[in-house]
């Protein structure tokens, strides 16, 4: 079946997920700077923070370029009025053919509100219904119980915990949990039930 994506903008009940633009750099910097203590135990990139505003501009230019070339689909998580960045997420094609990995982080002030579950469900729906993949994965540190709860809620299966597969900021090897959902599992998953609207690069509705 032909792919319908990529979705440049996704609207959920509470959130807007959209492709980053350089103009979002101040909002992103503020969100990251306010969340560093929360992010550093789990996100190796957070140990390179805080970055300057110019570094954030350059980063978002790179994200946008990768998105436009369909190399990597990195989204900002925005409030419904798009005045605040509540986190970041993405559909990453780094796990092989006909598969996408969902990643996410949430602003420290907005955790424990179900936002990451809402985001992961929306991107899982986009991956299966627009990108027509056969498999979606979520990877997380086994000790990050909050992150591991999200694929479990969405009825992903825990396929494996791979020993010493991810290098942290101290160059130490850490374990990684692999959660998977396959196309034939998707119709019965909570992700299939989430109500979203998705739009292409010129604002035409896809879902």
Foldseek 3Di string as FASTA:
>chain_A
DDFQDDFQWKDFPWKIKGQFALVCLVQVLVLLVQALVVPQVWDQVSVVDDDDSVVSSVVSVVSNVCVVVVQWFKIFIATPVRPHTFWIWTWHPPPDPLETEIDIDGRPVDPPPCPVLRVVLQVVCCSCVRVVGFKYKYKGAPVPVSSVVNLVQQVWAFPDWAAQDDQHNVRGGGIMIITMDGNVRPCPTVSVVGDMWTAHPVGHTDD
